[in-house]
Amino acid sequence: MIQLIQLPALIKSRAKTHEWHLRKVLRKIFKTCIESQRIRTISALVVIAVAVLAITIPFFNQAFSIDGPLELDYAQRQVDSPLAQDLPNYEYWGVTYDSYFNTQPRFLASYLSLIIRISGAPSEVPIHLSLIIFPLIGGFGMYYLGRRFRVSGLAAALLFLVSPMLMVNAHGEMVDVPGTCLWAAA
């Protein structure tokens, strides 16, 4: 009889011991999974960064695009007066405007004005090199967006980076690629 009375306590103590061992094993497995996930994420982000550099570096010394001078004129105007929203007495495609207003968002002109202020003049190499940040932001954003929807984040990011829209315009000083990349990262 004494053994039957002690049996529930014995079962309870062994269950606690097994539960403790199970928790310890599960913690170890969880920690290993988190570490391997972290390594996979870092590896994927490095692959994305290398892909961005491979796509953009060959074009860093290319001439400005057809709409580039307009955006650079706005950036140059913002270097002189940061709150200016127009270009006074501006000639665009052979037509002179008393005050020319741009309808595009101002963030790119503000960013380019900072680069012009740092580099000293609006030249191709610093401007194109400074625009590498936007494909990087877009690639990283697409990686996390792909992971969020349970597809391969790396595949989503690489497909985004090799799309014709991004490959052709990644070094351009227009608002198309920076806007798209910032939307993907949002």
C-alpha atoms as a PDB file:
ATOM      1  CA  MET A   1       0.000   0.000   0.000  1.00  0.00           C
ATOM      2  CA  ILE A   2       2.785   2.402   0.794  1.00  0.00           C
ATOM      3  CA  GLN A   3       4.187   2.001  -2.715  1.00  0.00           C
ATOM      4  CA  LEU A   4       0.819   2.796  -4.318  1.00  0.00           C
ATOM      5  CA  ILE A   5       0.543   5.964  -2.269  1.00  0.00           C
ATOM      6  CA  GLN A   6       4.048   7.082  -3.297  1.00  0.00           C
ATOM      7  CA  LEU A   7       3.468   6.281  -7.002  1.00  0.00           C
ATOM      8  CA  PRO A   8       1.728   9.597  -7.912  1.00  0.00           C
ATOM      9  CA  ALA A   9       4.533  11.590  -6.300  1.00  0.00           C
ATOM     10  CA  LEU A  10       7.120   9.495  -8.139  1.00  0.00           C
ATOM     11  CA  ILE A  11       5.324   9.971 -11.475  1.00  0.00           C
ATOM     12  CA  LYS A  12       5.041  13.694 -10.801  1.00  0.00           C
ATOM     13  CA  SER A  13       8.739  14.073  -9.990  1.00  0.00           C
ATOM     14  CA  ARG A  14       9.774  12.096 -13.073  1.00  0.00           C
ATOM     15  CA  ALA A  15       7.405  14.124 -15.255  1.00  0.00           C
ATOM     16  CA  LYS A  16       8.970  17.321 -13.946  1.00  0.00           C
ATOM     17  CA  THR A  17      12.425  15.955 -14.697  1.00  0.00           C
ATOM     18  CA  HIS A  18      11.375  14.963 -18.225  1.00  0.00           C
ATOM     19  CA  GLU A  19       9.666  18.313 -18.721  1.00  0.00           C
ATOM     20  CA  TRP A  20      12.833  20.077 -17.629  1.00  0.00           C
ATOM     21  CA  HIS A  21      14.913  18.013 -20.091  1.00  0.00           C
ATOM     22  CA  LEU A  22      12.368  18.623 -22.866  1.00  0.00           C
ATOM     23  CA  ARG A  23      12.475  22.367 -22.236  1.00  0.00           C
ATOM     24  CA  LYS A  24      16.254  22.328 -22.301  1.00  0.00           C
ATOM     25  CA  VAL A  25      16.313  20.423 -25.620  1.00  0.00           C
ATOM     26  CA  LEU A  26      13.653  22.711 -27.139  1.00  0.00           C
ATOM     27  CA  ARG A  27      15.606  25.814 -26.074  1.00  0.00           C
ATOM     28  CA  LYS A  28      18.720  24.424 -27.723  1.00  0.00           C
ATOM     29  CA  ILE A  29      16.831  23.619 -30.951  1.00  0.00           C
ATOM     30  CA  PHE A  30      15.175  27.056 -30.956  1.00  0.00           C
ATOM     31  CA  LYS A  31      18.503  28.804 -30.403  1.00  0.00           C
ATOM     32  CA  THR A  32      20.090  26.816 -33.244  1.00  0.00           C
ATOM     33  CA  CYS A  33      17.189  27.674 -35.576  1.00  0.00           C
ATOM     34  CA  ILE A  34      17.436  31.365 -34.755  1.00  0.00           C
ATOM     35  CA  GLU A  35      21.187  31.360 -35.356  1.00  0.00           C
ATOM     36  CA  SER A  36      20.836  29.534 -38.685  1.00  0.00           C
ATOM     37  CA  GLN A  37      18.028  31.908 -39.726  1.00  0.00           C
ATOM     38  CA  ARG A  38      20.249  34.862 -38.842  1.00  0.00           C
ATOM     39  CA  ILE A  39      23.110  33.419 -40.896  1.00  0.00           C
ATOM     40  CA  ARG A  40      20.771  32.820 -43.863  1.00  0.00           C
ATOM     41  CA  THR A  41      19.450  36.383 -43.629  1.00  0.00           C
ATOM     42  CA  ILE A  42      22.920  37.905 -43.479  1.00  0.00           C
ATOM     43  CA  SER A  43      24.066  35.729 -46.383  1.00  0.00           C
ATOM     44  CA  ALA A  44      21.046  36.744 -48.462  1.00  0.00           C
ATOM     45  CA  LEU A  45      21.599  40.448 -47.729  1.00  0.00           C
ATOM     46  CA  VAL A  46      25.253  40.128 -48.781  1.00  0.00           C
ATOM     47  CA  VAL A  47      24.188  38.432 -52.045  1.00  0.00           C
ATOM     48  CA  ILE A  48      21.694  41.254 -52.663  1.00  0.00           C
ATOM     49  CA  ALA A  49      24.356  43.908 -51.997  1.00  0.00           C
ATOM     50  CA  VAL A  50      26.785  42.208 -54.398  1.00  0.00           C
ATOM     51  CA  ALA A  51      24.038  41.990 -57.044  1.00  0.00           C
ATOM     52  CA  VAL A  52      23.285  45.701 -56.652  1.00  0.00           C
ATOM     53  CA  LEU A  53      26.952  46.568 -57.028  1.00  0.00           C
ATOM     54  CA  ALA A  54      27.249  44.321 -60.096  1.00  0.00           C
ATOM     55  CA  ILE A  55      24.254  46.053 -61.680  1.00  0.00           C
ATOM     56  CA  THR A  56      25.160  49.652 -60.845  1.00  0.00           C
ATOM     57  CA  ILE A  57      28.962  49.978 -60.754  1.00  0.00           C
ATOM     58  CA  PRO A  58      29.494  49.545 -64.530  1.00  0.00           C
ATOM     59  CA  PHE A  59      27.337  52.622 -65.166  1.00  0.00           C
ATOM     60  CA  PHE A  60      28.662  55.047 -62.544  1.00  0.00           C
ATOM     61  CA  ASN A  61      30.608  57.107 -65.105  1.00  0.00           C
ATOM     62  CA  GLN A  62      27.746  57.361 -67.594  1.00  0.00           C
ATOM     63  CA  ALA A  63      26.361  60.719 -68.731  1.00  0.00           C
ATOM     64  CA  PHE A  64      23.190  62.144 -67.195  1.00  0.00           C
ATOM     65  CA  SER A  65      19.847  61.098 -68.663  1.00  0.00           C
ATOM     66  CA  ILE A  66      17.575  63.393 -70.669  1.00  0.00           C
ATOM     67  CA  ASP A  67      15.577  64.475 -67.589  1.00  0.00           C
ATOM     68  CA  GLY A  68      18.632  64.553 -65.365  1.00  0.00           C
ATOM     69  CA  PRO A  69      19.578  68.202 -65.902  1.00  0.00           C
ATOM     70  CA  LEU A  70      16.153  69.329 -64.674  1.00  0.00           C
ATOM     71  CA  GLU A  71      16.451  67.358 -61.430  1.00  0.00           C
ATOM     72  CA  LEU A  72      20.048  68.527 -61.028  1.00  0.00           C
ATOM     73  CA  ASP A  73      19.007  72.152 -61.600  1.00  0.00           C
ATOM     74  CA  TYR A  74      16.473  71.770 -58.788  1.00  0.00           C
ATOM     75  CA  ALA A  75      19.146  70.188 -56.603  1.00  0.00           C
ATOM     76  CA  GLN A  76      21.579  73.008 -57.411  1.00  0.00           C
ATOM     77  CA  ARG A  77      18.878  75.574 -56.562  1.00  0.00           C
ATOM     78  CA  GLN A  78      18.293  73.826 -53.230  1.00  0.00           C
ATOM     79  CA  VAL A  79      22.005  74.012 -52.445  1.00  0.00           C
ATOM     80  CA  ASP A  80      21.746  77.792 -52.700  1.00  0.00           C
ATOM     81  CA  SER A  81      18.315  78.151 -51.045  1.00  0.00           C
ATOM     82  CA  PRO A  82      17.057  74.911 -49.433  1.00  0.00           C
ATOM     83  CA  LEU A  83      13.380  75.887 -49.250  1.00  0.00           C
ATOM     84  CA  ALA A  84      13.051  77.018 -52.877  1.00  0.00           C
ATOM     85  CA  GLN A  85      10.383  75.154 -54.835  1.00  0.00           C
ATOM     86  CA  ASP A  86      10.785  76.800 -58.238  1.00  0.00           C
ATOM     87  CA  LEU A  87      13.394  77.710 -60.816  1.00  0.00           C
ATOM     88  CA  PRO A  88      13.166  81.404 -61.755  1.00  0.00           C
ATOM     89  CA  ASN A  89      13.751  82.362 -65.416  1.00  0.00           C
ATOM     90  CA  TYR A  90      14.264  78.727 -66.377  1.00  0.00           C
ATOM     91  CA  GLU A  91      14.628  77.518 -69.951  1.00  0.00           C
ATOM     92  CA  TYR A  92      13.295  74.017 -70.524  1.00  0.00           C
ATOM     93  CA  TRP A  93      13.223  72.453 -74.005  1.00  0.00           C
ATOM     94  CA  GLY A  94      13.613  75.822 -75.664  1.00  0.00           C
ATOM     95  CA  VAL A  95      10.827  77.552 -73.724  1.00  0.00           C
ATOM     96  CA  THR A  96      11.657  80.151 -71.069  1.00  0.00           C
ATOM     97  CA  TYR A  97       9.511  80.144 -67.944  1.00  0.00           C
ATOM     98  CA  ASP A  98       9.308  83.036 -65.470  1.00  0.00           C
ATOM     99  CA  SER A  99       8.998  80.513 -62.672  1.00  0.00           C
ATOM    100  CA  TYR A 100       9.210  76.791 -63.417  1.00  0.00           C
ATOM    101  CA  PHE A 101       7.656  74.408 -60.865  1.00  0.00           C
ATOM    102  CA  ASN A 102       8.423  70.721 -60.760  1.00  0.00           C
ATOM    103  CA  THR A 103       5.526  68.336 -60.125  1.00  0.00           C
ATOM    104  CA  GLN A 104       7.695  65.477 -58.845  1.00  0.00           C
ATOM    105  CA  PRO A 105       8.381  64.756 -55.166  1.00  0.00           C
ATOM    106  CA  ARG A 106      11.133  66.863 -53.670  1.00  0.00           C
ATOM    107  CA  PHE A 107      13.056  64.169 -51.785  1.00  0.00           C
ATOM    108  CA  LEU A 108      15.377  63.314 -54.684  1.00  0.00           C
ATOM    109  CA  ALA A 109      16.309  66.931 -55.332  1.00  0.00           C
ATOM    110  CA  SER A 110      16.984  67.378 -51.618  1.00  0.00           C
ATOM    111  CA  TYR A 111      19.140  64.246 -51.555  1.00  0.00           C
ATOM    112  CA  LEU A 112      21.038  65.304 -54.680  1.00  0.00           C
ATOM    113  CA  SER A 113      21.564  68.789 -53.241  1.00  0.00           C
ATOM    114  CA  LEU A 114      23.256  67.175 -50.250  1.00  0.00           C
ATOM    115  CA  ILE A 115      25.511  65.167 -52.587  1.00  0.00           C
ATOM    116  CA  ILE A 116      26.300  68.281 -54.644  1.00  0.00           C
ATOM    117  CA  ARG A 117      27.140  70.171 -51.457  1.00  0.00           C
ATOM    118  CA  ILE A 118      29.494  67.361 -50.340  1.00  0.00           C
ATOM    119  CA  SER A 119      31.154  66.802 -53.732  1.00  0.00           C
ATOM    120  CA  GLY A 120      31.321  70.486 -54.682  1.00  0.00           C
ATOM    121  CA  ALA A 121      29.812  70.227 -58.166  1.00  0.00           C
ATOM    122  CA  PRO A 122      27.103  68.222 -59.951  1.00  0.00           C
ATOM    123  CA  SER A 123      29.333  65.702 -61.722  1.00  0.00           C
ATOM    124  CA  GLU A 124      28.388  62.233 -62.957  1.00  0.00           C
ATOM    125  CA  VAL A 125      30.534  60.001 -60.749  1.00  0.00           C
ATOM    126  CA  PRO A 126      29.458  61.251 -57.282  1.00  0.00           C
ATOM    127  CA  ILE A 127      25.811  61.557 -58.315  1.00  0.00           C
ATOM    128  CA  HIS A 128      25.639  58.040 -59.816  1.00  0.00           C
ATOM    129  CA  LEU A 129      27.556  56.507 -56.899  1.00  0.00           C
ATOM    130  CA  SER A 130      25.232  58.176 -54.412  1.00  0.00           C
ATOM    131  CA  LEU A 131      22.192  56.687 -56.148  1.00  0.00           C
ATOM    132  CA  ILE A 132      23.356  53.126 -55.368  1.00  0.00           C
ATOM    133  CA  ILE A 133      21.637  53.406 -52.008  1.00  0.00           C
ATOM    134  CA  PHE A 134      18.157  53.237 -53.569  1.00  0.00           C
ATOM    135  CA  PRO A 135      18.556  49.837 -55.311  1.00  0.00           C
ATOM    136  CA  LEU A 136      20.078  48.561 -52.065  1.00  0.00           C
ATOM    137  CA  ILE A 137      17.041  49.758 -50.114  1.00  0.00           C
ATOM    138  CA  GLY A 138      14.720  48.262 -52.732  1.00  0.00           C
ATOM    139  CA  GLY A 139      16.523  44.921 -52.794  1.00  0.00           C
ATOM    140  CA  PHE A 140      16.501  44.634 -49.011  1.00  0.00           C
ATOM    141  CA  GLY A 141      12.846  45.700 -48.929  1.00  0.00           C
ATOM    142  CA  MET A 142      11.860  43.075 -51.504  1.00  0.00           C
ATOM    143  CA  TYR A 143      13.780  40.440 -49.549  1.00  0.00           C
ATOM    144  CA  TYR A 144      11.757  41.106 -46.408  1.00  0.00           C
ATOM    145  CA  LEU A 145       8.547  41.509 -48.402  1.00  0.00           C
ATOM    146  CA  GLY A 146       9.100  38.113 -50.037  1.00  0.00           C
ATOM    147  CA  ARG A 147       9.761  36.511 -46.668  1.00  0.00           C
ATOM    148  CA  ARG A 148       6.631  38.092 -45.272  1.00  0.00           C
ATOM    149  CA  PHE A 149       4.509  36.393 -47.937  1.00  0.00           C
ATOM    150  CA  ARG A 150       6.270  33.045 -47.472  1.00  0.00           C
ATOM    151  CA  VAL A 151       8.177  32.955 -50.731  1.00  0.00           C
ATOM    152  CA  SER A 152      11.912  32.997 -51.191  1.00  0.00           C
ATOM    153  CA  GLY A 153      12.984  36.459 -50.137  1.00  0.00           C
ATOM    154  CA  LEU A 154      16.246  36.155 -52.036  1.00  0.00           C
ATOM    155  CA  ALA A 155      14.465  35.155 -55.251  1.00  0.00           C
ATOM    156  CA  ALA A 156      12.020  38.061 -54.872  1.00  0.00           C
ATOM    157  CA  ALA A 157      14.857  40.530 -54.325  1.00  0.00           C
ATOM    158  CA  LEU A 158      16.974  39.263 -57.217  1.00  0.00           C
ATOM    159  CA  LEU A 159      13.999  39.266 -59.597  1.00  0.00           C
ATOM    160  CA  PHE A 160      13.277  42.832 -58.549  1.00  0.00           C
ATOM    161  CA  LEU A 161      16.903  43.854 -59.105  1.00  0.00           C
ATOM    162  CA  VAL A 162      17.188  42.309 -62.582  1.00  0.00           C
ATOM    163  CA  SER A 163      13.870  43.718 -63.774  1.00  0.00           C
ATOM    164  CA  PRO A 164      14.364  46.008 -66.787  1.00  0.00           C
ATOM    165  CA  MET A 165      12.926  48.995 -64.932  1.00  0.00           C
ATOM    166  CA  LEU A 166      15.557  48.797 -62.243  1.00  0.00           C
ATOM    167  CA  MET A 167      18.553  47.628 -64.275  1.00  0.00           C
ATOM    168  CA  VAL A 168      18.161  50.345 -66.893  1.00  0.00           C
ATOM    169  CA  ASN A 169      17.315  53.223 -64.553  1.00  0.00           C
ATOM    170  CA  ALA A 170      19.183  52.309 -61.346  1.00  0.00           C
ATOM    171  CA  HIS A 171      21.840  54.957 -61.915  1.00  0.00           C
ATOM    172  CA  GLY A 172      19.440  57.571 -63.320  1.00  0.00           C
ATOM    173  CA  GLU A 173      18.830  60.799 -61.479  1.00  0.00           C
ATOM    174  CA  MET A 174      15.070  60.637 -61.905  1.00  0.00           C
ATOM    175  CA  VAL A 175      12.567  59.876 -59.159  1.00  0.00           C
ATOM    176  CA  ASP A 176      11.285  56.581 -60.686  1.00  0.00           C
ATOM    177  CA  VAL A 177      13.741  54.104 -59.157  1.00  0.00           C
ATOM    178  CA  PRO A 178      14.160  55.836 -55.771  1.00  0.00           C
ATOM    179  CA  GLY A 179      10.385  56.063 -55.403  1.00  0.00           C
ATOM    180  CA  THR A 180       9.829  52.417 -56.315  1.00  0.00           C
ATOM    181  CA  CYS A 181      12.619  51.234 -54.033  1.00  0.00           C
ATOM    182  CA  LEU A 182      11.340  53.248 -51.094  1.00  0.00           C
ATOM    183  CA  TRP A 183       7.818  51.902 -51.677  1.00  0.00           C
ATOM    184  CA  ALA A 184       9.160  48.334 -51.698  1.00  0.00           C
ATOM    185  CA  ALA A 185      10.971  48.980 -48.436  1.00  0.00           C
ATOM    186  CA  ALA A 186       7.957  50.586 -46.792  1.00  0.00           C
END
